[in-house]
């Protein structure tokens, strides 16, 4: 895929972030999500791809645009699969919380693992832990292996875990192992990405979160040289049924990074609110600033982009 396409992709996430950031703390998650989705959809019109959304905002019956199966892009250029979340953390955006992102990943045909919207047990690390994690092993064993690979004590390792009742046992074990814990109100995707950023304060992500966010995290980790493993973990019988309907009959299967993402991929994200990985949108007189990242798996190039936007000269995507 054309390397310049990755830089074009960030325009799409910037558009969604700018639109939704205006609604930070307004208490209306649905309105913020719609703003991000509509802005992202408009921005896609000028991206030179023949894209198909494979991870989107829902089924066509649920959402009008950016639904799974929709064709996006200008209709010229390479064919590409698109995985996206226009506003990852809509509830957090509405409440003024942290770790809200606008995200897209693009890849060649069959790049992304297919699964319904359910949950996934995940373990993610940056490049220092690549090849040493194993979701079949205990959290304690993984912490010891990671600490040894990094050349530190377990007590020096910080693990990000979502603050959910289902993680009570996990949190106890991580504490007993001696590691530090960063408890997240939301935003395990942002925390997974933060494992790749030196100085972020997050070394490892553990726990159960959204499956589709897991695939997006895997795309980024693939680009940045990190590692991730997962296991589909439905939390209700309805989700079990959706998994079987999608052809996922072995719910105990360990999913490696290469199971989740295949071939060449690129990833772009823009911060909507501040988080472990990216700063949020800052509004100023006549414009705003954004903080984004663009990555490619073929070169493992990671670019952080700080952009100043002048609203009187903003692109017209209509």
C-alpha atoms as a PDB file:
ATOM      1  CA  UNK A   1       0.000   0.000   0.000  1.00  0.00           C
ATOM      2  CA  UNK A   2       1.198   3.521  -0.823  1.00  0.00           C
ATOM      3  CA  UNK A   3       3.088   5.006   2.115  1.00  0.00           C
ATOM      4  CA  UNK A   4       1.479   8.393   1.496  1.00  0.00           C
ATOM      5  CA  UNK A   5      -1.893   6.805   2.156  1.00  0.00           C
ATOM      6  CA  UNK A   6      -1.041   6.570   5.852  1.00  0.00           C
ATOM      7  CA  UNK A   7      -0.572  10.335   6.026  1.00  0.00           C
ATOM      8  CA  UNK A   8      -3.868  10.840   4.216  1.00  0.00           C
ATOM      9  CA  UNK A   9      -5.564   8.536   6.726  1.00  0.00           C
ATOM     10  CA  UNK A  10      -4.759  10.836   9.611  1.00  0.00           C
ATOM     11  CA  UNK A  11      -6.866  13.560   7.982  1.00  0.00           C
ATOM     12  CA  UNK A  12      -9.834  11.258   8.502  1.00  0.00           C
ATOM     13  CA  UNK A  13      -9.205  10.751  12.208  1.00  0.00           C
ATOM     14  CA  UNK A  14      -8.466  14.452  12.690  1.00  0.00           C
ATOM     15  CA  UNK A  15     -11.823  15.367  11.164  1.00  0.00           C
ATOM     16  CA  UNK A  16     -13.680  12.985  13.491  1.00  0.00           C
ATOM     17  CA  UNK A  17     -11.733  14.138  16.546  1.00  0.00           C
ATOM     18  CA  UNK A  18     -12.336  17.826  15.871  1.00  0.00           C
ATOM     19  CA  UNK A  19     -16.063  17.287  15.384  1.00  0.00           C
ATOM     20  CA  UNK A  20     -16.589  15.218  18.522  1.00  0.00           C
ATOM     21  CA  UNK A  21     -14.242  17.149  20.805  1.00  0.00           C
ATOM     22  CA  UNK A  22     -16.636  20.111  20.694  1.00  0.00           C
ATOM     23  CA  UNK A  23     -19.098  17.926  22.606  1.00  0.00           C
ATOM     24  CA  UNK A  24     -16.703  16.789  25.330  1.00  0.00           C
ATOM     25  CA  UNK A  25     -18.470  16.837  28.691  1.00  0.00           C
ATOM     26  CA  UNK A  26     -21.888  17.723  27.232  1.00  0.00           C
ATOM     27  CA  UNK A  27     -23.419  14.521  28.588  1.00  0.00           C
ATOM     28  CA  UNK A  28     -24.716  13.225  25.241  1.00  0.00           C
ATOM     29  CA  UNK A  29     -22.686  10.226  24.042  1.00  0.00           C
ATOM     30  CA  UNK A  30     -24.938   9.561  21.063  1.00  0.00           C
ATOM     31  CA  UNK A  31     -24.606  13.128  19.777  1.00  0.00           C
ATOM     32  CA  UNK A  32     -20.815  13.054  20.116  1.00  0.00           C
ATOM     33  CA  UNK A  33     -20.658   9.703  18.320  1.00  0.00           C
ATOM     34  CA  UNK A  34     -22.838  10.932  15.449  1.00  0.00           C
ATOM     35  CA  UNK A  35     -20.649  14.026  15.046  1.00  0.00           C
ATOM     36  CA  UNK A  36     -17.521  11.878  14.793  1.00  0.00           C
ATOM     37  CA  UNK A  37     -19.083   9.363  12.412  1.00  0.00           C
ATOM     38  CA  UNK A  38     -20.458  11.984  10.049  1.00  0.00           C
ATOM     39  CA  UNK A  39     -17.173  13.914   9.958  1.00  0.00           C
ATOM     40  CA  UNK A  40     -15.156  10.754   9.332  1.00  0.00           C
ATOM     41  CA  UNK A  41     -17.526   9.662   6.575  1.00  0.00           C
ATOM     42  CA  UNK A  42     -17.189  13.010   4.790  1.00  0.00           C
ATOM     43  CA  UNK A  43     -13.402  12.980   5.081  1.00  0.00           C
ATOM     44  CA  UNK A  44     -13.173   9.503   3.556  1.00  0.00           C
ATOM     45  CA  UNK A  45     -14.554  10.815   0.250  1.00  0.00           C
ATOM     46  CA  UNK A  46     -11.207  12.304  -0.761  1.00  0.00           C
ATOM     47  CA  UNK A  47      -9.030   9.343   0.273  1.00  0.00           C
ATOM     48  CA  UNK A  48      -7.785   7.543  -2.850  1.00  0.00           C
ATOM     49  CA  UNK A  49      -8.822   3.992  -1.999  1.00  0.00           C
ATOM     50  CA  UNK A  50     -11.483   1.516  -2.985  1.00  0.00           C
ATOM     51  CA  UNK A  51     -12.203   0.644   0.601  1.00  0.00           C
ATOM     52  CA  UNK A  52     -14.594  -1.741   2.295  1.00  0.00           C
ATOM     53  CA  UNK A  53     -15.445  -1.330   5.965  1.00  0.00           C
ATOM     54  CA  UNK A  54     -14.927  -4.664   7.733  1.00  0.00           C
ATOM     55  CA  UNK A  55     -15.022  -3.309  11.289  1.00  0.00           C
ATOM     56  CA  UNK A  56     -17.352  -0.349  11.499  1.00  0.00           C
ATOM     57  CA  UNK A  57     -19.974   1.398  13.560  1.00  0.00           C
ATOM     58  CA  UNK A  58     -22.472  -1.456  13.309  1.00  0.00           C
ATOM     59  CA  UNK A  59     -24.642  -3.257  10.785  1.00  0.00           C
ATOM     60  CA  UNK A  60     -26.385  -1.383   7.978  1.00  0.00           C
ATOM     61  CA  UNK A  61     -29.691  -1.818   9.785  1.00  0.00           C
ATOM     62  CA  UNK A  62     -28.249  -0.043  12.847  1.00  0.00           C
ATOM     63  CA  UNK A  63     -26.317   2.901  11.411  1.00  0.00           C
ATOM     64  CA  UNK A  64     -26.645   4.952   8.195  1.00  0.00           C
ATOM     65  CA  UNK A  65     -22.916   5.315   7.400  1.00  0.00           C
ATOM     66  CA  UNK A  66     -19.598   3.605   8.184  1.00  0.00           C
ATOM     67  CA  UNK A  67     -21.476   0.354   8.623  1.00  0.00           C
ATOM     68  CA  UNK A  68     -19.820  -3.001   8.080  1.00  0.00           C
ATOM     69  CA  UNK A  69     -19.720  -3.648   4.346  1.00  0.00           C
ATOM     70  CA  UNK A  70     -19.955  -0.014   3.235  1.00  0.00           C
ATOM     71  CA  UNK A  71     -17.688   1.120   0.408  1.00  0.00           C
ATOM     72  CA  UNK A  72     -15.568   4.121   1.364  1.00  0.00           C
ATOM     73  CA  UNK A  73     -12.957   6.270  -0.325  1.00  0.00           C
ATOM     74  CA  UNK A  74     -12.859   8.074  -3.649  1.00  0.00           C
ATOM     75  CA  UNK A  75     -13.338   4.882  -5.658  1.00  0.00           C
ATOM     76  CA  UNK A  76      -9.852   5.139  -7.146  1.00  0.00           C
ATOM     77  CA  UNK A  77      -6.579   3.654  -5.965  1.00  0.00           C
ATOM     78  CA  UNK A  78      -5.870   0.341  -4.235  1.00  0.00           C
ATOM     79  CA  UNK A  79      -8.459  -1.960  -2.740  1.00  0.00           C
ATOM     80  CA  UNK A  80      -8.314  -1.898   1.041  1.00  0.00           C
ATOM     81  CA  UNK A  81     -10.035  -3.283   4.081  1.00  0.00           C
ATOM     82  CA  UNK A  82     -10.907  -0.628   6.643  1.00  0.00           C
ATOM     83  CA  UNK A  83     -11.341  -1.103  10.381  1.00  0.00           C
ATOM     84  CA  UNK A  84     -12.462   1.959  12.295  1.00  0.00           C
ATOM     85  CA  UNK A  85     -13.945   3.485  15.392  1.00  0.00           C
ATOM     86  CA  UNK A  86     -14.855   7.102  14.779  1.00  0.00           C
ATOM     87  CA  UNK A  87     -15.196   7.761  18.515  1.00  0.00           C
ATOM     88  CA  UNK A  88     -13.652   5.070  20.709  1.00  0.00           C
ATOM     89  CA  UNK A  89     -15.021   5.990  24.130  1.00  0.00           C
ATOM     90  CA  UNK A  90     -18.194   7.937  23.374  1.00  0.00           C
ATOM     91  CA  UNK A  91     -19.402   7.701  26.982  1.00  0.00           C
ATOM     92  CA  UNK A  92     -16.052   9.008  28.223  1.00  0.00           C
ATOM     93  CA  UNK A  93     -16.218  11.877  25.761  1.00  0.00           C
ATOM     94  CA  UNK A  94     -19.703  12.760  26.978  1.00  0.00           C
ATOM     95  CA  UNK A  95     -18.588  12.747  30.610  1.00  0.00           C
ATOM     96  CA  UNK A  96     -15.317  14.579  29.958  1.00  0.00           C
ATOM     97  CA  UNK A  97     -13.217  11.476  30.624  1.00  0.00           C
ATOM     98  CA  UNK A  98      -9.821  10.388  29.345  1.00  0.00           C
ATOM     99  CA  UNK A  99      -8.483   8.090  26.622  1.00  0.00           C
ATOM    100  CA  UNK A 100     -10.989   8.940  23.873  1.00  0.00           C
ATOM    101  CA  UNK A 101      -9.655   8.374  20.359  1.00  0.00           C
ATOM    102  CA  UNK A 102     -10.665   8.446  16.728  1.00  0.00           C
ATOM    103  CA  UNK A 103      -9.080   5.444  15.014  1.00  0.00           C
ATOM    104  CA  UNK A 104      -8.740   3.763  11.634  1.00  0.00           C
ATOM    105  CA  UNK A 105      -6.642   0.890  10.328  1.00  0.00           C
ATOM    106  CA  UNK A 106      -6.321  -0.139   6.705  1.00  0.00           C
ATOM    107  CA  UNK A 107      -4.931  -3.269   5.175  1.00  0.00           C
ATOM    108  CA  UNK A 108      -4.885  -5.577   2.215  1.00  0.00           C
ATOM    109  CA  UNK A 109      -7.802  -7.992   1.616  1.00  0.00           C
ATOM    110  CA  UNK A 110      -8.326 -10.403   4.543  1.00  0.00           C
ATOM    111  CA  UNK A 111      -6.110  -8.297   6.788  1.00  0.00           C
ATOM    112  CA  UNK A 112      -8.342  -8.319   9.861  1.00  0.00           C
ATOM    113  CA  UNK A 113      -9.749 -11.129  11.992  1.00  0.00           C
ATOM    114  CA  UNK A 114     -13.509 -11.447  11.616  1.00  0.00           C
ATOM    115  CA  UNK A 115     -15.593 -11.583  14.758  1.00  0.00           C
ATOM    116  CA  UNK A 116     -18.877 -10.089  15.965  1.00  0.00           C
ATOM    117  CA  UNK A 117     -19.094  -7.358  18.566  1.00  0.00           C
ATOM    118  CA  UNK A 118     -18.379  -9.185  21.816  1.00  0.00           C
ATOM    119  CA  UNK A 119     -15.540  -9.260  24.354  1.00  0.00           C
ATOM    120  CA  UNK A 120     -11.943 -10.398  24.212  1.00  0.00           C
ATOM    121  CA  UNK A 121      -9.465 -11.330  26.932  1.00  0.00           C
ATOM    122  CA  UNK A 122      -6.255  -9.485  26.023  1.00  0.00           C
ATOM    123  CA  UNK A 123      -2.636  -9.136  26.937  1.00  0.00           C
ATOM    124  CA  UNK A 124      -0.629  -6.467  25.110  1.00  0.00           C
ATOM    125  CA  UNK A 125       2.937  -5.203  25.395  1.00  0.00           C
ATOM    126  CA  UNK A 126       5.303  -2.933  23.515  1.00  0.00           C
ATOM    127  CA  UNK A 127       8.433  -4.013  21.618  1.00  0.00           C
ATOM    128  CA  UNK A 128      10.332  -4.880  24.815  1.00  0.00           C
ATOM    129  CA  UNK A 129       7.848  -7.673  25.527  1.00  0.00           C
ATOM    130  CA  UNK A 130       7.386  -9.004  22.011  1.00  0.00           C
ATOM    131  CA  UNK A 131       7.548 -12.776  21.906  1.00  0.00           C
ATOM    132  CA  UNK A 132       7.523 -13.355  25.667  1.00  0.00           C
ATOM    133  CA  UNK A 133       3.813 -13.129  26.546  1.00  0.00           C
ATOM    134  CA  UNK A 134       1.429 -16.076  26.521  1.00  0.00           C
ATOM    135  CA  UNK A 135      -2.247 -15.689  27.390  1.00  0.00           C
ATOM    136  CA  UNK A 136      -2.362 -19.382  28.327  1.00  0.00           C
ATOM    137  CA  UNK A 137      -0.022 -18.625  31.243  1.00  0.00           C
ATOM    138  CA  UNK A 138      -0.946 -16.892  34.479  1.00  0.00           C
ATOM    139  CA  UNK A 139      -0.642 -13.119  34.938  1.00  0.00           C
ATOM    140  CA  UNK A 140       2.208 -13.759  37.382  1.00  0.00           C
ATOM    141  CA  UNK A 141       4.133 -15.833  34.837  1.00  0.00           C
ATOM    142  CA  UNK A 142       3.641 -13.182  32.166  1.00  0.00           C
ATOM    143  CA  UNK A 143       4.777 -10.421  34.493  1.00  0.00           C
ATOM    144  CA  UNK A 144       7.951 -12.317  35.381  1.00  0.00           C
ATOM    145  CA  UNK A 145       8.717 -13.075  31.728  1.00  0.00           C
ATOM    146  CA  UNK A 146       8.140  -9.454  30.710  1.00  0.00           C
ATOM    147  CA  UNK A 147      10.238  -8.066  33.563  1.00  0.00           C
ATOM    148  CA  UNK A 148      13.096 -10.400  32.688  1.00  0.00           C
ATOM    149  CA  UNK A 149      12.941  -9.411  29.006  1.00  0.00           C
ATOM    150  CA  UNK A 150      12.939  -5.729  29.933  1.00  0.00           C
ATOM    151  CA  UNK A 151      15.686  -6.146  32.510  1.00  0.00           C
ATOM    152  CA  UNK A 152      13.692  -4.781  35.450  1.00  0.00           C
ATOM    153  CA  UNK A 153      11.992  -6.087  38.584  1.00  0.00           C
ATOM    154  CA  UNK A 154       8.323  -7.056  38.460  1.00  0.00           C
ATOM    155  CA  UNK A 155       7.774  -4.250  40.976  1.00  0.00           C
ATOM    156  CA  UNK A 156       8.888  -1.794  38.264  1.00  0.00           C
ATOM    157  CA  UNK A 157       6.222  -2.937  35.785  1.00  0.00           C
ATOM    158  CA  UNK A 158       2.915  -1.039  35.424  1.00  0.00           C
ATOM    159  CA  UNK A 159      -0.144  -2.910  34.179  1.00  0.00           C
ATOM    160  CA  UNK A 160      -3.251  -1.151  32.857  1.00  0.00           C
ATOM    161  CA  UNK A 161      -6.539  -2.885  33.738  1.00  0.00           C
ATOM    162  CA  UNK A 162     -10.108  -1.719  33.190  1.00  0.00           C
ATOM    163  CA  UNK A 163     -11.977  -1.021  36.426  1.00  0.00           C
ATOM    164  CA  UNK A 164     -14.669  -3.688  36.099  1.00  0.00           C
ATOM    165  CA  UNK A 165     -16.042  -6.267  38.599  1.00  0.00           C
ATOM    166  CA  UNK A 166     -14.891  -9.043  36.275  1.00  0.00           C
ATOM    167  CA  UNK A 167     -11.284  -8.036  36.912  1.00  0.00           C
ATOM    168  CA  UNK A 168     -11.293  -8.377  40.705  1.00  0.00           C
ATOM    169  CA  UNK A 169      -9.346 -11.668  40.622  1.00  0.00           C
ATOM    170  CA  UNK A 170      -6.892 -10.365  38.021  1.00  0.00           C
ATOM    171  CA  UNK A 171      -6.175  -7.235  40.038  1.00  0.00           C
ATOM    172  CA  UNK A 172      -5.546  -9.295  43.182  1.00  0.00           C
ATOM    173  CA  UNK A 173      -3.055 -11.524  41.381  1.00  0.00           C
ATOM    174  CA  UNK A 174      -1.195  -8.624  39.783  1.00  0.00           C
ATOM    175  CA  UNK A 175      -0.944  -6.930  43.177  1.00  0.00           C
ATOM    176  CA  UNK A 176       0.287 -10.121  44.799  1.00  0.00           C
ATOM    177  CA  UNK A 177       2.920 -10.474  42.064  1.00  0.00           C
ATOM    178  CA  UNK A 178       4.208  -7.039  43.071  1.00  0.00           C
ATOM    179  CA  UNK A 179       3.483  -5.077  39.877  1.00  0.00           C
ATOM    180  CA  UNK A 180       1.999  -1.596  39.827  1.00  0.00           C
ATOM    181  CA  UNK A 181      -1.535  -1.161  38.474  1.00  0.00           C
ATOM    182  CA  UNK A 182      -3.095   1.683  36.535  1.00  0.00           C
ATOM    183  CA  UNK A 183      -6.857   1.256  36.879  1.00  0.00           C
ATOM    184  CA  UNK A 184      -8.754   2.557  33.852  1.00  0.00           C
ATOM    185  CA  UNK A 185     -12.283   3.927  33.914  1.00  0.00           C
ATOM    186  CA  UNK A 186     -12.360   3.309  30.151  1.00  0.00           C
ATOM    187  CA  UNK A 187     -10.023   3.257  27.165  1.00  0.00           C
ATOM    188  CA  UNK A 188      -8.196  -0.049  27.039  1.00  0.00           C
ATOM    189  CA  UNK A 189      -7.396   0.627  23.356  1.00  0.00           C
ATOM    190  CA  UNK A 190      -5.478   3.763  24.307  1.00  0.00           C
ATOM    191  CA  UNK A 191      -3.676   1.849  27.059  1.00  0.00           C
ATOM    192  CA  UNK A 192      -2.692  -0.932  24.644  1.00  0.00           C
ATOM    193  CA  UNK A 193      -1.181   1.671  22.335  1.00  0.00           C
ATOM    194  CA  UNK A 194       0.586   3.341  25.245  1.00  0.00           C
ATOM    195  CA  UNK A 195       2.670   0.192  25.826  1.00  0.00           C
ATOM    196  CA  UNK A 196       4.622   1.184  22.696  1.00  0.00           C
ATOM    197  CA  UNK A 197       5.371   4.734  23.832  1.00  0.00           C
ATOM    198  CA  UNK A 198       8.422   5.209  26.066  1.00  0.00           C
ATOM    199  CA  UNK A 199       7.561   7.211  29.135  1.00  0.00           C
ATOM    200  CA  UNK A 200       3.813   6.633  28.866  1.00  0.00           C
ATOM    201  CA  UNK A 201       3.682   4.949  32.257  1.00  0.00           C
ATOM    202  CA  UNK A 202       2.030   1.804  30.866  1.00  0.00           C
ATOM    203  CA  UNK A 203       4.075  -1.355  30.259  1.00  0.00           C
ATOM    204  CA  UNK A 204       1.359  -3.943  29.770  1.00  0.00           C
ATOM    205  CA  UNK A 205      -2.391  -4.223  29.267  1.00  0.00           C
ATOM    206  CA  UNK A 206      -4.334  -7.124  30.747  1.00  0.00           C
ATOM    207  CA  UNK A 207      -8.014  -7.980  30.980  1.00  0.00           C
ATOM    208  CA  UNK A 208     -11.288  -8.288  29.115  1.00  0.00           C
ATOM    209  CA  UNK A 209     -12.467  -5.508  26.808  1.00  0.00           C
ATOM    210  CA  UNK A 210     -14.168  -5.040  23.472  1.00  0.00           C
ATOM    211  CA  UNK A 211     -13.223  -7.526  20.751  1.00  0.00           C
ATOM    212  CA  UNK A 212     -13.297  -4.999  17.909  1.00  0.00           C
ATOM    213  CA  UNK A 213     -11.124  -2.592  19.899  1.00  0.00           C
ATOM    214  CA  UNK A 214      -8.776  -5.544  20.386  1.00  0.00           C
ATOM    215  CA  UNK A 215      -8.366  -5.960  16.647  1.00  0.00           C
ATOM    216  CA  UNK A 216      -7.674  -2.248  16.219  1.00  0.00           C
ATOM    217  CA  UNK A 217      -5.078  -2.468  18.996  1.00  0.00           C
ATOM    218  CA  UNK A 218      -3.503  -5.461  17.262  1.00  0.00           C
ATOM    219  CA  UNK A 219      -3.169  -3.445  14.043  1.00  0.00           C
ATOM    220  CA  UNK A 220      -1.316  -0.699  15.880  1.00  0.00           C
ATOM    221  CA  UNK A 221       0.920  -3.122  17.790  1.00  0.00           C
ATOM    222  CA  UNK A 222       1.752  -4.888  14.533  1.00  0.00           C
ATOM    223  CA  UNK A 223       2.883  -1.540  13.106  1.00  0.00           C
ATOM    224  CA  UNK A 224       4.829  -0.521  16.192  1.00  0.00           C
ATOM    225  CA  UNK A 225       6.629  -3.790  16.876  1.00  0.00           C
ATOM    226  CA  UNK A 226       4.640  -4.702  19.968  1.00  0.00           C
ATOM    227  CA  UNK A 227       2.831  -7.933  20.709  1.00  0.00           C
ATOM    228  CA  UNK A 228      -0.635  -9.026  21.697  1.00  0.00           C
ATOM    229  CA  UNK A 229      -2.616 -12.175  22.296  1.00  0.00           C
ATOM    230  CA  UNK A 230      -6.333 -12.558  22.832  1.00  0.00           C
ATOM    231  CA  UNK A 231      -9.172 -14.971  23.326  1.00  0.00           C
ATOM    232  CA  UNK A 232     -12.799 -14.349  22.405  1.00  0.00           C
ATOM    233  CA  UNK A 233     -14.687 -14.147  25.710  1.00  0.00           C
ATOM    234  CA  UNK A 234     -18.437 -13.593  25.308  1.00  0.00           C
ATOM    235  CA  UNK A 235     -20.096 -12.378  28.503  1.00  0.00           C
ATOM    236  CA  UNK A 236     -23.659 -13.451  27.677  1.00  0.00           C
ATOM    237  CA  UNK A 237     -25.476 -16.239  25.881  1.00  0.00           C
ATOM    238  CA  UNK A 238     -26.554 -13.746  23.234  1.00  0.00           C
ATOM    239  CA  UNK A 239     -22.899 -13.007  22.478  1.00  0.00           C
ATOM    240  CA  UNK A 240     -22.122 -16.731  22.397  1.00  0.00           C
ATOM    241  CA  UNK A 241     -24.848 -17.105  19.788  1.00  0.00           C
ATOM    242  CA  UNK A 242     -23.426 -14.273  17.694  1.00  0.00           C
ATOM    243  CA  UNK A 243     -20.005 -15.912  17.794  1.00  0.00           C
ATOM    244  CA  UNK A 244     -21.365 -19.249  16.579  1.00  0.00           C
ATOM    245  CA  UNK A 245     -23.373 -17.519  13.836  1.00  0.00           C
ATOM    246  CA  UNK A 246     -20.122 -15.874  12.695  1.00  0.00           C
ATOM    247  CA  UNK A 247     -18.435 -19.274  12.483  1.00  0.00           C
ATOM    248  CA  UNK A 248     -16.377 -18.937  15.675  1.00  0.00           C
ATOM    249  CA  UNK A 249     -16.929 -22.323  17.284  1.00  0.00           C
ATOM    250  CA  UNK A 250     -13.658 -22.671  19.199  1.00  0.00           C
ATOM    251  CA  UNK A 251     -13.949 -19.925  21.797  1.00  0.00           C
ATOM    252  CA  UNK A 252     -10.947 -21.285  23.699  1.00  0.00           C
ATOM    253  CA  UNK A 253      -8.558 -20.649  20.814  1.00  0.00           C
ATOM    254  CA  UNK A 254      -5.564 -18.482  21.578  1.00  0.00           C
ATOM    255  CA  UNK A 255      -5.367 -15.658  19.025  1.00  0.00           C
ATOM    256  CA  UNK A 256      -1.874 -14.397  18.306  1.00  0.00           C
ATOM    257  CA  UNK A 257      -1.043 -11.045  16.778  1.00  0.00           C
ATOM    258  CA  UNK A 258      -0.784 -12.700  13.352  1.00  0.00           C
ATOM    259  CA  UNK A 259      -4.207 -14.288  13.810  1.00  0.00           C
ATOM    260  CA  UNK A 260      -5.714 -10.884  14.495  1.00  0.00           C
ATOM    261  CA  UNK A 261      -3.879  -8.938  11.763  1.00  0.00           C
ATOM    262  CA  UNK A 262      -2.318 -10.301   8.574  1.00  0.00           C
ATOM    263  CA  UNK A 263      -0.228  -8.760   5.815  1.00  0.00           C
ATOM    264  CA  UNK A 264       0.670  -5.104   5.473  1.00  0.00           C
ATOM    265  CA  UNK A 265      -1.424  -2.684   7.520  1.00  0.00           C
ATOM    266  CA  UNK A 266      -1.357   0.965   8.441  1.00  0.00           C
ATOM    267  CA  UNK A 267      -2.863   2.671  11.460  1.00  0.00           C
ATOM    268  CA  UNK A 268      -3.865   6.228  12.340  1.00  0.00           C
ATOM    269  CA  UNK A 269      -5.377   7.706  15.492  1.00  0.00           C
ATOM    270  CA  UNK A 270      -6.120  11.184  16.806  1.00  0.00           C
ATOM    271  CA  UNK A 271      -6.722  12.028  20.447  1.00  0.00           C
ATOM    272  CA  UNK A 272     -10.119  13.480  21.303  1.00  0.00           C
ATOM    273  CA  UNK A 273      -9.456  13.799  25.037  1.00  0.00           C
ATOM    274  CA  UNK A 274      -6.183  13.395  26.912  1.00  0.00           C
ATOM    275  CA  UNK A 275      -4.969   9.865  27.504  1.00  0.00           C
ATOM    276  CA  UNK A 276      -2.004   7.602  28.130  1.00  0.00           C
ATOM    277  CA  UNK A 277      -1.089   7.642  24.451  1.00  0.00           C
ATOM    278  CA  UNK A 278      -2.206  10.913  22.846  1.00  0.00           C
ATOM    279  CA  UNK A 279      -3.212  14.391  23.950  1.00  0.00           C
ATOM    280  CA  UNK A 280      -6.727  15.537  23.197  1.00  0.00           C
ATOM    281  CA  UNK A 281      -7.955  18.373  20.980  1.00  0.00           C
ATOM    282  CA  UNK A 282      -7.098  21.879  22.151  1.00  0.00           C
ATOM    283  CA  UNK A 283      -9.281  24.714  20.885  1.00  0.00           C
ATOM    284  CA  UNK A 284      -7.866  28.201  20.453  1.00  0.00           C
ATOM    285  CA  UNK A 285      -8.826  31.421  18.756  1.00  0.00           C
ATOM    286  CA  UNK A 286      -9.768  30.631  15.165  1.00  0.00           C
ATOM    287  CA  UNK A 287      -8.795  26.981  15.291  1.00  0.00           C
ATOM    288  CA  UNK A 288      -7.509  24.015  17.225  1.00  0.00           C
ATOM    289  CA  UNK A 289      -4.539  21.705  17.658  1.00  0.00           C
ATOM    290  CA  UNK A 290      -4.593  17.928  17.405  1.00  0.00           C
ATOM    291  CA  UNK A 291      -2.196  15.174  18.417  1.00  0.00           C
ATOM    292  CA  UNK A 292      -2.117  12.089  16.177  1.00  0.00           C
ATOM    293  CA  UNK A 293      -0.069   9.020  15.368  1.00  0.00           C
ATOM    294  CA  UNK A 294       0.480   7.312  12.016  1.00  0.00           C
ATOM    295  CA  UNK A 295       2.134   3.890  11.698  1.00  0.00           C
ATOM    296  CA  UNK A 296       2.955   1.363   8.993  1.00  0.00           C
ATOM    297  CA  UNK A 297       3.714  -2.321   9.541  1.00  0.00           C
ATOM    298  CA  UNK A 298       6.005  -2.683   6.524  1.00  0.00           C
ATOM    299  CA  UNK A 299       8.582  -0.239   7.888  1.00  0.00           C
ATOM    300  CA  UNK A 300       7.458   0.029  11.529  1.00  0.00           C
ATOM    301  CA  UNK A 301       7.650   3.780  11.089  1.00  0.00           C
ATOM    302  CA  UNK A 302       5.816   5.620  13.872  1.00  0.00           C
ATOM    303  CA  UNK A 303       5.102   9.306  13.328  1.00  0.00           C
ATOM    304  CA  UNK A 304       3.577  11.583  15.951  1.00  0.00           C
ATOM    305  CA  UNK A 305       1.861  14.540  14.333  1.00  0.00           C
ATOM    306  CA  UNK A 306       0.972  17.796  16.087  1.00  0.00           C
ATOM    307  CA  UNK A 307      -1.296  19.798  13.783  1.00  0.00           C
ATOM    308  CA  UNK A 308      -2.659  23.332  13.937  1.00  0.00           C
ATOM    309  CA  UNK A 309      -6.037  23.745  12.231  1.00  0.00           C
ATOM    310  CA  UNK A 310      -7.359  27.107  11.032  1.00  0.00           C
ATOM    311  CA  UNK A 311     -11.116  26.856  10.787  1.00  0.00           C
ATOM    312  CA  UNK A 312     -11.402  29.635   8.186  1.00  0.00           C
ATOM    313  CA  UNK A 313      -9.278  27.450   5.888  1.00  0.00           C
ATOM    314  CA  UNK A 314     -10.586  24.006   6.803  1.00  0.00           C
ATOM    315  CA  UNK A 315     -11.007  21.422   4.004  1.00  0.00           C
ATOM    316  CA  UNK A 316     -14.375  21.128   2.339  1.00  0.00           C
ATOM    317  CA  UNK A 317     -15.294  17.431   2.307  1.00  0.00           C
ATOM    318  CA  UNK A 318     -18.850  17.935   1.104  1.00  0.00           C
END
